[in-house]
Amino acid sequence: MLSEDHFAQLPADCVTLVLQPLDNTSRLAAAATCKRMFSDTLQPLAWKHTEPLRITDEQLQVQQYRQHAAHSLLQLAPVHLLLQDEYVPPSCLQLGCIRHLERLEQGQHYWADLSPLLPHPATQQLHQLKLSEHGARIPENWRLTSALPHLSSLDVSSSTAEWSPQLREAIGQCLAQLLARAQLTELALHGFSSTNGDSILLPLLQSAGHLRSLHLGCIFLWQAGADTVSQFASLGAALPHLQEFSAAQFRSSTVPTAEGRRLFSTLRSLHTLRLVHCDEVDALLPLLTKCAQLRHLHIVAHSMVASMKPSLDALAVLQAALPQLRIESTENFGDNRQWYT
């Protein structure tokens, strides 16, 4: 005698509650088990509070034309779209099957003007944008950022050596507009030097008190004037709500020790700090004792540079001052350009 199918008798709301805590891979696997699960997976509540569904531009083209089931899921799930196929320019992307584009990311070698995507309704809901080094050299891509009304997170990798006067002007104007918005709470910039980036960025950060997460890579201030160094050192006071801060290439040879390191004693609301390939770490650790809210400290040192490695004595003093602090120290030989990922 066949056993009774109790699953079929479950209300749809109960099945939805089972689907909600699953990750995207598990939720899609559940949808493939039977018609009932597929139908319940298509309910909007099943995708509530979920991480964006990651899909590449090439996969989007395939799903657009061949997989009707995927169309339905893309209409419900928030989407993280990765642009990496140089043969699929933005003007050819079919975004009609995406209802909620949560994040747009340029691949490392994807060099294209993204402005053709702007008129599409999906991009108007964009919350997170990541520009690759190549994409950041295109002024139109910077102007795109200021045209996204709901943008809350901007991640840019840029080589300042490639900046033209036109690009420099576009970056300054767009950063000014973005940092004036209260909804922009996360900013990650890599490759901004004193001769180009910091002279634009630091004055603007003085009025960006709403930022909660700031990632700065390759901080070079050796050619900076006294005003620029002072602005950098006073960021803690200018950003009272900053909870997460990452710094890469913070070195005594590039940042004046007395002024630049004063920054770390002013980050009073800091919850998480990440230091990547920063030398004389032992000189920084005592300043962190004033960061009463600090809970996580991650130090990434280059395996061949002793001054980047914290001493046990310095760590012990900091741990005694902040007993709630969790400290993680690692070493690598890798390319620090991807330090914030």
Protein backbone atom coordinates (compact mmCIF):
# COMPACT_ATOMS: atom_id res chain seq x y z
CA MET A 1 0.00 0.00 0.00
CA LEU A 2 1.41 3.36 -0.98
CA SER A 3 1.99 5.80 1.84
CA GLU A 4 -0.05 8.97 1.88
CA ASP A 5 1.62 12.04 0.37
CA HIS A 6 1.61 14.41 3.35
CA PHE A 7 3.84 16.90 1.58
CA ALA A 8 1.15 17.67 -0.97
CA GLN A 9 -1.18 18.64 1.87
CA LEU A 10 1.16 21.26 3.30
CA PRO A 11 -0.05 24.85 2.84
CA ALA A 12 2.03 26.91 0.43
CA ASP A 13 2.98 29.30 3.26
CA CYS A 14 4.68 26.46 5.15
CA VAL A 15 6.72 25.43 2.12
CA THR A 16 7.71 29.05 1.60
CA LEU A 17 9.02 29.24 5.16
CA VAL A 18 11.18 26.19 4.43
CA LEU A 19 12.59 27.82 1.29
CA GLN A 20 13.36 31.23 2.77
CA PRO A 21 16.53 30.36 4.78
CA LEU A 22 18.10 28.38 1.89
CA ASP A 23 20.90 29.82 -0.20
CA ASN A 24 20.30 30.39 -3.91
CA THR A 25 21.88 27.10 -5.02
CA SER A 26 19.80 25.06 -2.58
CA ARG A 27 16.64 26.95 -3.45
CA LEU A 28 17.12 26.30 -7.17
CA ALA A 29 17.85 22.63 -6.44
CA ALA A 30 14.62 22.38 -4.46
CA ALA A 31 12.71 23.90 -7.38
CA ALA A 32 13.96 21.09 -9.62
CA THR A 33 12.63 18.25 -7.43
CA CYS A 34 8.95 18.37 -8.37
CA LYS A 35 6.21 20.56 -9.83
CA ARG A 36 4.94 21.50 -6.37
CA MET A 37 8.34 22.76 -5.21
CA PHE A 38 8.90 24.58 -8.49
CA SER A 39 5.56 26.35 -8.14
CA ASP A 40 6.25 27.33 -4.52
CA THR A 41 9.76 28.52 -5.40
CA LEU A 42 8.21 31.02 -7.80
CA GLN A 43 6.43 32.77 -4.93
CA PRO A 44 8.01 36.17 -4.09
CA LEU A 45 8.09 35.38 -0.36
CA ALA A 46 10.48 32.48 -1.02
CA TRP A 47 13.12 35.02 -2.11
CA LYS A 48 12.68 37.43 0.75
CA HIS A 49 15.96 38.43 2.49
CA THR A 50 18.03 36.39 0.04
CA GLU A 51 21.49 37.04 -1.35
CA PRO A 52 21.54 38.18 -5.00
CA LEU A 53 21.55 35.43 -7.61
CA ARG A 54 24.95 35.66 -9.37
CA ILE A 55 24.79 35.37 -13.14
CA THR A 56 27.20 36.32 -15.94
CA ASP A 57 26.33 38.24 -19.09
CA GLU A 58 26.84 35.10 -21.18
CA GLN A 59 24.51 33.07 -18.95
CA LEU A 60 21.94 35.83 -19.16
CA GLN A 61 21.90 35.61 -22.96
CA VAL A 62 21.45 31.82 -22.84
CA GLN A 63 18.65 32.00 -20.28
CA GLN A 64 16.94 34.79 -22.17
CA TYR A 65 16.41 32.55 -25.19
CA ARG A 66 16.48 28.95 -24.00
CA GLN A 67 15.35 28.52 -20.40
CA HIS A 68 11.90 29.79 -19.65
CA ALA A 69 12.13 28.38 -16.10
CA ALA A 70 15.15 30.57 -15.41
CA HIS A 71 13.21 33.59 -16.66
CA SER A 72 10.63 33.08 -13.92
CA LEU A 73 13.27 32.82 -11.22
CA LEU A 74 15.09 35.92 -12.45
CA GLN A 75 11.81 37.80 -12.22
CA LEU A 76 11.72 37.03 -8.49
CA ALA A 77 15.30 36.86 -7.19
CA PRO A 78 17.58 39.87 -6.75
CA VAL A 79 20.36 39.50 -9.35
CA HIS A 80 24.12 40.06 -9.25
CA LEU A 81 25.12 40.52 -12.90
CA LEU A 82 28.81 40.02 -13.77
CA LEU A 83 29.96 41.51 -17.08
CA GLN A 84 32.95 39.56 -18.37
CA ASP A 85 32.32 38.62 -22.01
CA GLU A 86 33.85 41.29 -24.24
CA TYR A 87 31.73 40.01 -27.13
CA VAL A 88 28.49 40.88 -25.31
CA PRO A 89 28.49 44.71 -25.11
CA PRO A 90 26.04 46.41 -22.72
CA SER A 91 23.86 47.59 -25.62
CA CYS A 92 23.19 43.94 -26.55
CA LEU A 93 22.24 42.74 -23.07
CA GLN A 94 18.63 41.68 -22.78
CA LEU A 95 17.63 42.76 -19.27
CA GLY A 96 13.93 42.14 -19.75
CA CYS A 97 14.02 38.91 -17.73
CA ILE A 98 15.53 40.68 -14.68
CA ARG A 99 13.07 42.36 -12.37
CA HIS A 100 15.47 43.44 -9.59
CA LEU A 101 19.11 44.09 -10.50
CA GLU A 102 20.76 44.34 -7.08
CA ARG A 103 24.43 44.44 -8.11
CA LEU A 104 26.32 45.14 -11.34
CA GLU A 105 29.99 44.18 -11.58
CA GLN A 106 32.53 44.66 -14.34
CA GLY A 107 34.96 41.81 -14.84
CA GLN A 108 38.67 42.58 -14.57
CA HIS A 109 39.21 42.73 -18.32
CA TYR A 110 35.80 44.09 -19.35
CA TRP A 111 36.34 47.49 -20.95
CA ALA A 112 33.09 49.10 -22.04
CA ASP A 113 30.88 52.13 -21.59
CA LEU A 114 28.00 51.05 -19.34
CA SER A 115 25.79 54.07 -20.04
CA PRO A 116 23.59 52.13 -22.56
CA LEU A 117 22.24 50.21 -19.56
CA LEU A 118 20.99 53.34 -17.80
CA PRO A 119 17.57 53.71 -19.49
CA HIS A 120 16.52 50.18 -18.53
CA PRO A 121 14.19 50.00 -15.47
CA ALA A 122 16.30 47.20 -13.93
CA THR A 123 19.33 49.47 -13.51
CA GLN A 124 17.25 52.15 -11.80
CA GLN A 125 16.93 49.78 -8.83
CA LEU A 126 20.69 49.13 -8.67
CA HIS A 127 22.14 49.22 -5.15
CA GLN A 128 25.73 48.04 -5.69
CA LEU A 129 28.13 48.89 -8.52
CA LYS A 130 31.69 47.62 -9.01
CA LEU A 131 33.85 49.17 -11.74
CA SER A 132 36.98 47.37 -12.90
CA GLU A 133 40.25 49.19 -13.52
CA HIS A 134 39.53 49.37 -17.24
CA GLY A 135 35.94 50.48 -16.73
CA ALA A 136 36.98 53.17 -14.26
CA ARG A 137 39.02 54.91 -16.98
CA ILE A 138 35.84 55.69 -18.94
CA PRO A 139 34.28 59.03 -17.86
CA GLU A 140 30.80 57.85 -18.90
CA ASN A 141 30.93 55.07 -16.31
CA TRP A 142 31.58 57.59 -13.55
CA ARG A 143 28.69 59.73 -14.76
CA LEU A 144 26.54 56.59 -14.66
CA THR A 145 27.15 56.26 -10.92
CA SER A 146 25.63 59.65 -10.16
CA ALA A 147 22.58 58.78 -12.27
CA LEU A 148 21.65 55.75 -10.14
CA PRO A 149 19.16 57.00 -7.54
CA HIS A 150 19.35 54.02 -5.15
CA LEU A 151 23.10 53.34 -5.23
CA SER A 152 24.31 52.51 -1.71
CA SER A 153 27.65 50.80 -2.45
CA LEU A 154 30.39 51.81 -4.91
CA ASP A 155 33.55 49.74 -5.45
CA VAL A 156 36.14 51.12 -7.88
CA SER A 157 39.60 49.94 -8.90
CA SER A 158 41.43 52.65 -10.81
CA SER A 159 44.97 53.37 -11.96
CA THR A 160 45.61 57.08 -11.45
CA ALA A 161 48.40 56.99 -14.01
CA GLU A 162 45.74 56.70 -16.70
CA TRP A 163 43.69 59.74 -15.65
CA SER A 164 43.06 62.32 -18.31
CA PRO A 165 41.80 65.84 -17.44
CA GLN A 166 38.35 64.78 -18.67
CA LEU A 167 38.35 61.70 -16.46
CA ARG A 168 39.63 63.65 -13.45
CA GLU A 169 36.81 66.18 -13.84
CA ALA A 170 34.20 63.43 -14.18
CA ILE A 171 35.49 61.63 -11.06
CA GLY A 172 35.45 64.81 -8.98
CA GLN A 173 31.92 65.76 -10.03
CA CYS A 174 30.47 62.27 -9.54
CA LEU A 175 32.12 61.68 -6.17
CA ALA A 176 30.80 65.04 -4.97
CA GLN A 177 27.26 64.10 -5.99
CA LEU A 178 27.48 60.58 -4.57
CA LEU A 179 28.97 61.53 -1.22
CA ALA A 180 26.28 64.17 -0.77
CA ARG A 181 23.65 61.43 -0.73
CA ALA A 182 22.71 59.86 2.56
CA GLN A 183 21.95 56.48 0.92
CA LEU A 184 25.60 55.92 -0.11
CA THR A 185 26.96 54.06 2.92
CA GLU A 186 29.75 51.90 1.42
CA LEU A 187 32.70 53.18 -0.59
CA ALA A 188 35.76 51.20 -1.77
CA LEU A 189 38.48 52.90 -3.82
CA HIS A 190 41.75 51.41 -4.95
CA GLY A 191 44.64 53.24 -6.58
CA PHE A 192 43.93 56.87 -5.59
CA SER A 193 47.22 58.71 -5.04
CA SER A 194 47.92 62.16 -3.61
CA THR A 195 48.65 63.63 -7.05
CA ASN A 196 45.24 62.64 -8.39
CA GLY A 197 42.78 60.80 -6.19
CA ASP A 198 43.38 61.97 -2.64
CA SER A 199 43.33 65.62 -3.63
CA ILE A 200 39.81 64.97 -4.98
CA LEU A 201 38.58 62.44 -2.46
CA LEU A 202 39.75 63.67 0.94
CA PRO A 203 37.99 67.08 0.90
CA LEU A 204 34.75 65.37 -0.16
CA LEU A 205 34.97 62.81 2.64
CA GLN A 206 34.97 65.62 5.18
CA SER A 207 31.21 66.03 4.56
CA ALA A 208 30.32 62.34 4.10
CA GLY A 209 29.41 61.64 7.69
CA HIS A 210 26.82 59.02 6.68
CA LEU A 211 29.46 56.53 5.43
CA ARG A 212 29.51 53.28 7.39
CA SER A 213 32.12 51.38 5.38
CA LEU A 214 35.27 52.80 3.76
CA HIS A 215 37.99 50.85 1.95
CA LEU A 216 41.08 52.68 0.77
CA GLY A 217 43.80 50.91 -1.19
CA CYS A 218 47.33 52.13 -1.92
CA ILE A 219 47.31 55.24 0.24
CA PHE A 220 50.19 57.35 -1.12
CA LEU A 221 50.66 60.76 0.50
CA TRP A 222 54.39 61.30 0.14
CA GLN A 223 53.86 64.19 -2.30
CA ALA A 224 50.84 65.58 -0.49
CA GLY A 225 50.76 68.97 1.14
CA ALA A 226 50.10 69.61 4.81
CA ASP A 227 46.38 70.25 4.19
CA THR A 228 45.90 66.86 2.48
CA VAL A 229 47.70 64.98 5.26
CA SER A 230 45.65 66.84 7.88
CA GLN A 231 42.42 65.96 6.08
CA PHE A 232 43.41 62.30 6.04
CA ALA A 233 44.28 62.32 9.73
CA SER A 234 40.94 63.91 10.66
CA LEU A 235 38.75 61.44 8.77
CA GLY A 236 37.70 59.82 12.04
CA ALA A 237 36.08 63.03 13.23
CA ALA A 238 34.51 63.63 9.81
CA LEU A 239 33.04 60.11 9.65
CA PRO A 240 31.38 59.57 13.05
CA HIS A 241 29.28 56.60 11.87
CA LEU A 242 32.11 54.67 10.21
CA GLN A 243 31.95 51.04 11.39
CA GLU A 244 34.22 49.28 8.88
CA PHE A 245 37.54 50.56 7.61
CA SER A 246 40.18 48.88 5.44
CA ALA A 247 43.57 50.32 4.53
CA ALA A 248 46.16 48.85 2.16
CA GLN A 249 49.74 49.90 1.52
CA PHE A 250 49.72 52.20 4.56
CA ARG A 251 53.47 52.66 5.00
CA SER A 252 55.78 54.99 6.85
CA SER A 253 57.54 55.84 3.59
CA THR A 254 54.30 57.05 1.98
CA VAL A 255 52.31 58.47 4.91
CA PRO A 256 53.86 60.93 7.40
CA THR A 257 53.96 58.94 10.62
CA ALA A 258 52.93 61.51 13.20
CA GLU A 259 50.00 63.00 11.27
CA GLY A 260 48.79 60.07 9.18
CA ARG A 261 48.69 57.54 11.97
CA ARG A 262 46.64 59.92 14.10
CA LEU A 263 43.68 58.78 12.01
CA PHE A 264 43.46 55.47 13.84
CA SER A 265 42.98 57.12 17.24
CA THR A 266 39.93 59.06 16.00
CA LEU A 267 37.83 56.18 14.64
CA ARG A 268 35.72 55.93 17.77
CA SER A 269 32.72 54.07 16.20
CA LEU A 270 34.87 51.54 14.36
CA HIS A 271 33.69 47.94 14.61
CA THR A 272 35.92 46.22 12.02
CA LEU A 273 39.43 47.18 10.88
CA ARG A 274 41.46 45.49 8.15
CA LEU A 275 45.13 46.39 7.55
CA VAL A 276 46.73 44.94 4.43
CA HIS A 277 50.48 45.20 3.75
CA CYS A 278 50.92 48.09 6.20
CA ASP A 279 54.35 48.41 7.78
CA GLU A 280 55.25 49.35 11.37
CA VAL A 281 52.06 47.72 12.59
CA ASP A 282 53.35 47.72 16.16
CA ALA A 283 53.26 51.54 16.10
CA LEU A 284 49.59 51.48 15.06
CA LEU A 285 48.26 48.98 17.60
CA PRO A 286 48.55 51.22 20.70
CA LEU A 287 46.41 53.86 18.95
CA LEU A 288 43.58 51.35 18.59
CA THR A 289 43.09 51.14 22.35
CA LYS A 290 40.97 54.30 22.04
CA CYS A 291 38.53 52.54 19.65
CA ALA A 292 36.23 51.17 22.33
CA GLN A 293 33.74 49.70 19.83
CA LEU A 294 36.37 47.72 17.88
CA ARG A 295 35.44 44.03 17.70
CA HIS A 296 37.37 42.62 14.71
CA LEU A 297 40.95 43.31 13.62
CA HIS A 298 42.44 41.56 10.59
CA ILE A 299 46.11 42.13 9.76
CA VAL A 300 47.44 40.82 6.44
CA ALA A 301 51.24 40.98 6.25
CA HIS A 302 53.62 40.26 3.41
CA SER A 303 55.52 37.13 4.31
CA MET A 304 58.87 38.68 3.40
CA VAL A 305 58.47 41.99 5.28
CA ALA A 306 59.03 41.73 9.03
CA SER A 307 57.72 45.23 9.85
CA MET A 308 54.26 44.24 8.57
CA LYS A 309 53.98 41.45 11.13
CA PRO A 310 52.63 42.36 14.59
CA SER A 311 54.65 41.27 17.59
CA LEU A 312 53.11 39.07 20.27
CA ASP A 313 53.80 41.71 22.91
CA ALA A 314 51.96 44.44 20.97
CA LEU A 315 49.01 42.13 20.37
CA ALA A 316 48.89 41.19 24.04
CA VAL A 317 48.76 44.84 25.12
CA LEU A 318 45.94 45.58 22.68
CA GLN A 319 44.01 42.47 23.71
CA ALA A 320 44.28 43.45 27.36
CA ALA A 321 42.90 46.92 26.61
CA LEU A 322 40.10 45.57 24.42
CA PRO A 323 39.21 42.09 25.76
CA GLN A 324 36.22 41.83 23.40
CA LEU A 325 38.44 42.25 20.33
CA ARG A 326 38.93 39.33 17.96
CA ILE A 327 42.35 39.50 16.24
CA GLU A 328 43.29 37.65 13.07
CA SER A 329 46.78 37.86 11.58
CA THR A 330 47.67 36.24 8.25
CA GLU A 331 50.51 36.38 5.73
CA ASN A 332 50.63 36.14 1.94
CA PHE A 333 52.75 36.74 -1.13
CA GLY A 334 49.79 37.67 -3.29
CA ASP A 335 48.72 40.66 -5.34
CA ASN A 336 47.33 43.19 -2.85
CA ARG A 337 45.28 44.88 -5.60
CA GLN A 338 42.42 42.52 -4.65
CA TRP A 339 42.80 43.20 -0.94
CA TYR A 340 39.20 44.25 -0.34
CA THR A 341 37.49 41.21 -1.89
